Amino acid sequence: MKLRLEDNTLRLRLSGEEVADFQQTGRLETVVLLGPSVTDRLIYALQRDETTTDPGLGVSYTAGRVVVRLPPDVADTWTASDEVSLRGEVEVADNQVVHILVEKDLGCKH
């Protein structure tokens, strides 16, 4: 799974195999080590959120961890269809918006 951050946009791209794994497990996680200590890392994840009542995509951040959350019906429909992209917006501090894009990267060969 690839993460791209640009301005107020967070984008996740999943290979076909990752989409299948997400469909089965409801969660994908990647750990990027950024220094000599085990705590010097960034974790990013895509998670099927069984607890949400919000029909849109969500995002949360805690120390070194970014999680994009999908409602169950959105996750199920997306993984089982030919639909490539999911888009959402989340309001954050100072009246700003974070744009979320989750995509199937089915043409990727690397």
N, C-alpha and C. Protein backbone atom coordinates (compact mmCIF):
# COMPACT_ATOMS: atom_id res chain seq x y z
N MET A 1 0.86 -1.16 0.00
CA MET A 1 0.00 0.00 0.00
C MET A 1 0.91 1.23 0.00
N LYS A 2 0.58 2.16 -0.85
CA LYS A 2 1.36 3.38 -0.97
C LYS A 2 0.60 4.53 -0.33
N LEU A 3 1.34 5.41 0.33
CA LEU A 3 0.79 6.61 0.93
C LEU A 3 1.39 7.82 0.22
N ARG A 4 0.52 8.77 -0.11
CA ARG A 4 0.98 10.02 -0.68
C ARG A 4 0.28 11.15 0.06
N LEU A 5 1.07 12.09 0.54
CA LEU A 5 0.56 13.28 1.21
C LEU A 5 0.96 14.49 0.41
N GLU A 6 -0.02 15.32 0.08
CA GLU A 6 0.27 16.54 -0.66
C GLU A 6 -0.76 17.59 -0.25
N ASP A 7 -0.26 18.73 0.21
CA ASP A 7 -1.14 19.78 0.73
C ASP A 7 -2.12 19.16 1.73
N ASN A 8 -3.39 19.33 1.51
CA ASN A 8 -4.39 18.76 2.42
C ASN A 8 -5.04 17.52 1.82
N THR A 9 -4.26 16.71 1.12
CA THR A 9 -4.76 15.49 0.50
C THR A 9 -3.97 14.29 0.99
N LEU A 10 -4.68 13.26 1.38
CA LEU A 10 -4.09 11.99 1.79
C LEU A 10 -4.59 10.94 0.81
N ARG A 11 -3.66 10.23 0.18
CA ARG A 11 -4.02 9.26 -0.86
C ARG A 11 -3.38 7.92 -0.54
N LEU A 12 -4.19 6.86 -0.56
CA LEU A 12 -3.72 5.49 -0.42
C LEU A 12 -3.97 4.76 -1.73
N ARG A 13 -2.96 4.02 -2.19
CA ARG A 13 -3.11 3.21 -3.40
C ARG A 13 -2.81 1.77 -3.05
N LEU A 14 -3.73 0.88 -3.41
CA LEU A 14 -3.62 -0.53 -3.08
C LEU A 14 -3.47 -1.36 -4.34
N SER A 15 -2.57 -2.33 -4.31
CA SER A 15 -2.44 -3.29 -5.40
C SER A 15 -3.66 -4.22 -5.38
N GLY A 16 -3.82 -5.00 -6.43
CA GLY A 16 -4.92 -5.97 -6.48
C GLY A 16 -4.86 -6.95 -5.32
N GLU A 17 -3.66 -7.42 -4.99
CA GLU A 17 -3.49 -8.35 -3.86
C GLU A 17 -3.86 -7.68 -2.54
N GLU A 18 -3.49 -6.43 -2.37
CA GLU A 18 -3.85 -5.70 -1.14
C GLU A 18 -5.34 -5.48 -1.03
N VAL A 19 -6.01 -5.20 -2.15
CA VAL A 19 -7.47 -5.06 -2.13
C VAL A 19 -8.10 -6.37 -1.66
N ALA A 20 -7.61 -7.50 -2.18
CA ALA A 20 -8.14 -8.82 -1.77
C ALA A 20 -7.86 -9.07 -0.29
N ASP A 21 -6.67 -8.73 0.19
CA ASP A 21 -6.35 -8.90 1.61
C ASP A 21 -7.26 -8.04 2.47
N PHE A 22 -7.47 -6.78 2.05
CA PHE A 22 -8.35 -5.89 2.80
C PHE A 22 -9.77 -6.43 2.83
N GLN A 23 -10.23 -6.98 1.71
CA GLN A 23 -11.58 -7.54 1.65
C GLN A 23 -11.74 -8.67 2.67
N GLN A 24 -10.71 -9.48 2.85
CA GLN A 24 -10.78 -10.61 3.77
C GLN A 24 -10.58 -10.21 5.22
N THR A 25 -9.63 -9.31 5.48
CA THR A 25 -9.26 -9.01 6.86
C THR A 25 -9.86 -7.73 7.42
N GLY A 26 -10.21 -6.80 6.54
CA GLY A 26 -10.76 -5.52 6.99
C GLY A 26 -9.70 -4.54 7.45
N ARG A 27 -8.42 -4.88 7.26
CA ARG A 27 -7.35 -3.97 7.71
C ARG A 27 -6.06 -4.23 6.94
N LEU A 28 -5.41 -3.15 6.55
CA LEU A 28 -4.05 -3.19 5.99
C LEU A 28 -3.23 -2.18 6.78
N GLU A 29 -1.97 -2.52 7.03
CA GLU A 29 -1.11 -1.61 7.77
C GLU A 29 0.30 -1.68 7.21
N THR A 30 0.94 -0.53 7.11
CA THR A 30 2.33 -0.44 6.67
C THR A 30 3.12 0.33 7.71
N VAL A 31 4.31 -0.17 8.02
CA VAL A 31 5.20 0.49 8.97
C VAL A 31 6.43 0.97 8.22
N VAL A 32 6.74 2.26 8.36
CA VAL A 32 7.91 2.85 7.75
C VAL A 32 8.86 3.25 8.87
N LEU A 33 10.03 2.62 8.92
CA LEU A 33 11.02 2.95 9.93
C LEU A 33 11.74 4.22 9.51
N LEU A 34 11.86 5.17 10.43
CA LEU A 34 12.43 6.48 10.09
C LEU A 34 13.66 6.84 10.91
N GLY A 35 14.14 5.92 11.72
CA GLY A 35 15.31 6.22 12.53
C GLY A 35 15.82 4.99 13.24
N PRO A 36 16.82 5.16 14.11
CA PRO A 36 17.46 4.02 14.75
C PRO A 36 16.62 3.35 15.84
N SER A 37 15.68 4.07 16.41
CA SER A 37 14.85 3.52 17.49
C SER A 37 13.59 2.88 16.91
N VAL A 38 13.09 1.87 17.59
CA VAL A 38 11.87 1.21 17.16
C VAL A 38 10.67 2.17 17.18
N THR A 39 10.76 3.23 17.97
CA THR A 39 9.68 4.21 18.03
C THR A 39 9.77 5.26 16.93
N ASP A 40 10.88 5.28 16.20
CA ASP A 40 11.05 6.23 15.09
C ASP A 40 10.41 5.64 13.85
N ARG A 41 9.10 5.72 13.79
CA ARG A 41 8.39 5.10 12.67
C ARG A 41 7.08 5.81 12.40
N LEU A 42 6.60 5.61 11.20
CA LEU A 42 5.29 6.07 10.79
C LEU A 42 4.49 4.84 10.41
N ILE A 43 3.31 4.73 10.96
CA ILE A 43 2.40 3.63 10.63
C ILE A 43 1.20 4.23 9.92
N TYR A 44 0.87 3.67 8.77
CA TYR A 44 -0.36 4.09 8.12
C TYR A 44 -1.19 2.85 7.80
N ALA A 45 -2.52 3.03 7.91
CA ALA A 45 -3.41 1.88 7.80
C ALA A 45 -4.71 2.25 7.12
N LEU A 46 -5.33 1.24 6.53
CA LEU A 46 -6.69 1.33 6.00
C LEU A 46 -7.50 0.34 6.81
N GLN A 47 -8.62 0.78 7.37
CA GLN A 47 -9.39 -0.07 8.26
C GLN A 47 -10.88 0.00 7.97
N ARG A 48 -11.50 -1.15 7.96
CA ARG A 48 -12.96 -1.26 7.89
C ARG A 48 -13.46 -0.93 9.29
N ASP A 49 -14.25 0.11 9.44
CA ASP A 49 -14.66 0.61 10.75
C ASP A 49 -16.08 0.16 11.08
N GLU A 50 -16.19 -0.88 11.87
CA GLU A 50 -17.49 -1.45 12.25
C GLU A 50 -18.25 -0.55 13.22
N THR A 51 -17.57 0.41 13.84
CA THR A 51 -18.22 1.23 14.87
C THR A 51 -18.82 2.52 14.34
N THR A 52 -18.52 2.88 13.11
CA THR A 52 -18.97 4.18 12.60
C THR A 52 -20.44 4.17 12.20
N THR A 53 -21.06 5.31 12.40
CA THR A 53 -22.41 5.53 11.89
C THR A 53 -22.37 6.55 10.76
N ASP A 54 -21.19 7.10 10.51
CA ASP A 54 -20.98 8.07 9.44
C ASP A 54 -20.80 7.31 8.12
N PRO A 55 -21.52 7.68 7.07
CA PRO A 55 -21.40 6.96 5.79
C PRO A 55 -20.16 7.34 4.99
N GLY A 56 -19.40 8.33 5.43
CA GLY A 56 -18.24 8.78 4.68
C GLY A 56 -16.93 8.20 5.17
N LEU A 57 -15.88 8.48 4.42
CA LEU A 57 -14.54 8.07 4.81
C LEU A 57 -14.09 8.91 6.00
N GLY A 58 -13.24 8.34 6.83
CA GLY A 58 -12.73 9.07 7.98
C GLY A 58 -11.23 8.91 8.07
N VAL A 59 -10.61 9.73 8.89
CA VAL A 59 -9.17 9.64 9.13
C VAL A 59 -8.90 10.01 10.58
N SER A 60 -7.93 9.33 11.16
CA SER A 60 -7.51 9.69 12.52
C SER A 60 -5.99 9.68 12.57
N TYR A 61 -5.46 10.49 13.48
CA TYR A 61 -4.02 10.55 13.66
C TYR A 61 -3.71 10.53 15.15
N THR A 62 -2.82 9.65 15.54
CA THR A 62 -2.22 9.65 16.87
C THR A 62 -0.72 9.51 16.64
N ALA A 63 0.05 9.78 17.64
CA ALA A 63 1.50 9.83 17.52
C ALA A 63 2.07 8.77 16.57
N GLY A 64 2.43 9.21 15.37
CA GLY A 64 3.07 8.33 14.40
C GLY A 64 2.15 7.35 13.69
N ARG A 65 0.85 7.52 13.82
CA ARG A 65 -0.10 6.58 13.21
C ARG A 65 -1.24 7.33 12.51
N VAL A 66 -1.41 7.04 11.21
CA VAL A 66 -2.50 7.59 10.42
C VAL A 66 -3.39 6.43 10.00
N VAL A 67 -4.68 6.54 10.29
CA VAL A 67 -5.62 5.47 9.94
C VAL A 67 -6.77 6.07 9.12
N VAL A 68 -6.95 5.53 7.91
CA VAL A 68 -8.11 5.88 7.09
C VAL A 68 -9.16 4.82 7.36
N ARG A 69 -10.36 5.28 7.68
CA ARG A 69 -11.44 4.37 8.06
C ARG A 69 -12.56 4.38 7.01
N LEU A 70 -13.01 3.18 6.67
CA LEU A 70 -14.12 3.02 5.73
C LEU A 70 -15.31 2.39 6.43
N PRO A 71 -16.50 2.94 6.23
CA PRO A 71 -17.69 2.27 6.76
C PRO A 71 -17.82 0.89 6.11
N PRO A 72 -18.39 -0.09 6.81
CA PRO A 72 -18.48 -1.46 6.28
C PRO A 72 -19.13 -1.57 4.91
N ASP A 73 -20.25 -0.88 4.70
CA ASP A 73 -20.93 -1.01 3.41
C ASP A 73 -20.10 -0.40 2.28
N VAL A 74 -19.39 0.69 2.57
CA VAL A 74 -18.52 1.31 1.56
C VAL A 74 -17.36 0.37 1.24
N ALA A 75 -16.74 -0.20 2.27
CA ALA A 75 -15.61 -1.12 2.08
C ALA A 75 -16.04 -2.34 1.28
N ASP A 76 -17.19 -2.92 1.63
CA ASP A 76 -17.67 -4.13 0.94
C ASP A 76 -17.99 -3.86 -0.52
N THR A 77 -18.68 -2.77 -0.79
CA THR A 77 -19.05 -2.44 -2.16
C THR A 77 -17.81 -2.16 -3.00
N TRP A 78 -16.88 -1.39 -2.45
CA TRP A 78 -15.67 -1.02 -3.19
C TRP A 78 -14.80 -2.22 -3.51
N THR A 79 -14.57 -3.09 -2.54
CA THR A 79 -13.68 -4.24 -2.78
C THR A 79 -14.30 -5.26 -3.73
N ALA A 80 -15.61 -5.33 -3.79
CA ALA A 80 -16.28 -6.33 -4.62
C ALA A 80 -16.65 -5.81 -6.01
N SER A 81 -16.30 -4.57 -6.30
CA SER A 81 -16.72 -3.99 -7.58
C SER A 81 -15.52 -3.57 -8.42
N ASP A 82 -15.82 -3.05 -9.61
CA ASP A 82 -14.79 -2.51 -10.50
C ASP A 82 -14.51 -1.04 -10.19
N GLU A 83 -15.21 -0.49 -9.21
CA GLU A 83 -14.98 0.90 -8.82
C GLU A 83 -13.53 1.07 -8.38
N VAL A 84 -12.84 2.07 -8.93
CA VAL A 84 -11.41 2.25 -8.67
C VAL A 84 -11.16 3.16 -7.47
N SER A 85 -11.90 4.25 -7.35
CA SER A 85 -11.59 5.28 -6.36
C SER A 85 -12.71 5.50 -5.36
N LEU A 86 -12.29 5.80 -4.14
CA LEU A 86 -13.19 6.30 -3.11
C LEU A 86 -12.69 7.68 -2.71
N ARG A 87 -13.59 8.62 -2.55
CA ARG A 87 -13.21 9.98 -2.18
C ARG A 87 -14.02 10.42 -0.97
N GLY A 88 -13.38 11.21 -0.14
CA GLY A 88 -14.06 11.77 1.01
C GLY A 88 -13.35 13.02 1.50
N GLU A 89 -14.01 13.72 2.39
CA GLU A 89 -13.45 14.90 3.02
C GLU A 89 -13.73 14.84 4.51
N VAL A 90 -12.76 15.29 5.29
CA VAL A 90 -12.92 15.34 6.73
C VAL A 90 -12.55 16.74 7.20
N GLU A 91 -13.45 17.34 7.98
CA GLU A 91 -13.15 18.65 8.54
C GLU A 91 -12.18 18.47 9.70
N VAL A 92 -11.16 19.33 9.73
CA VAL A 92 -10.15 19.29 10.78
C VAL A 92 -10.02 20.68 11.41
N ALA A 93 -8.99 20.89 12.18
CA ALA A 93 -8.80 22.14 12.91
C ALA A 93 -8.75 23.36 11.98
N ASP A 94 -9.06 24.50 12.55
CA ASP A 94 -8.97 25.79 11.85
C ASP A 94 -9.79 25.84 10.57
N ASN A 95 -10.96 25.20 10.58
CA ASN A 95 -11.87 25.21 9.43
C ASN A 95 -11.22 24.69 8.16
N GLN A 96 -10.30 23.77 8.28
CA GLN A 96 -9.63 23.15 7.14
C GLN A 96 -10.30 21.82 6.80
N VAL A 97 -10.02 21.32 5.62
CA VAL A 97 -10.55 20.04 5.16
C VAL A 97 -9.39 19.18 4.68
N VAL A 98 -9.40 17.91 5.05
CA VAL A 98 -8.46 16.94 4.51
C VAL A 98 -9.21 16.12 3.48
N HIS A 99 -8.68 16.08 2.27
CA HIS A 99 -9.27 15.28 1.20
C HIS A 99 -8.66 13.89 1.28
N ILE A 100 -9.50 12.87 1.21
CA ILE A 100 -9.05 11.48 1.28
C ILE A 100 -9.37 10.81 -0.04
N LEU A 101 -8.38 10.11 -0.57
CA LEU A 101 -8.55 9.35 -1.80
C LEU A 101 -7.98 7.95 -1.57
N VAL A 102 -8.79 6.93 -1.79
CA VAL A 102 -8.34 5.54 -1.69
C VAL A 102 -8.57 4.93 -3.07
N GLU A 103 -7.49 4.36 -3.64
CA GLU A 103 -7.57 3.88 -5.02
C GLU A 103 -7.03 2.46 -5.17
N LYS A 104 -7.60 1.76 -6.11
CA LYS A 104 -7.05 0.48 -6.55
C LYS A 104 -5.99 0.79 -7.59
N ASP A 105 -4.79 0.31 -7.36
CA ASP A 105 -3.67 0.52 -8.28
C ASP A 105 -3.47 -0.74 -9.09
N LEU A 106 -4.46 -1.09 -9.89
CA LEU A 106 -4.48 -2.39 -10.56
C LEU A 106 -3.51 -2.51 -11.71
N GLY A 107 -3.02 -1.38 -12.21
CA GLY A 107 -2.07 -1.43 -13.32
C GLY A 107 -0.64 -1.50 -12.86
N CYS A 108 -0.41 -1.46 -11.56
CA CYS A 108 0.94 -1.41 -11.03
C CYS A 108 1.62 -2.77 -11.18
N LYS A 109 2.84 -2.78 -11.73
CA LYS A 109 3.58 -4.03 -11.95
C LYS A 109 4.81 -4.13 -11.06
N HIS A 110 5.01 -3.19 -10.14
CA HIS A 110 6.21 -3.25 -9.29
C HIS A 110 5.86 -3.40 -7.84
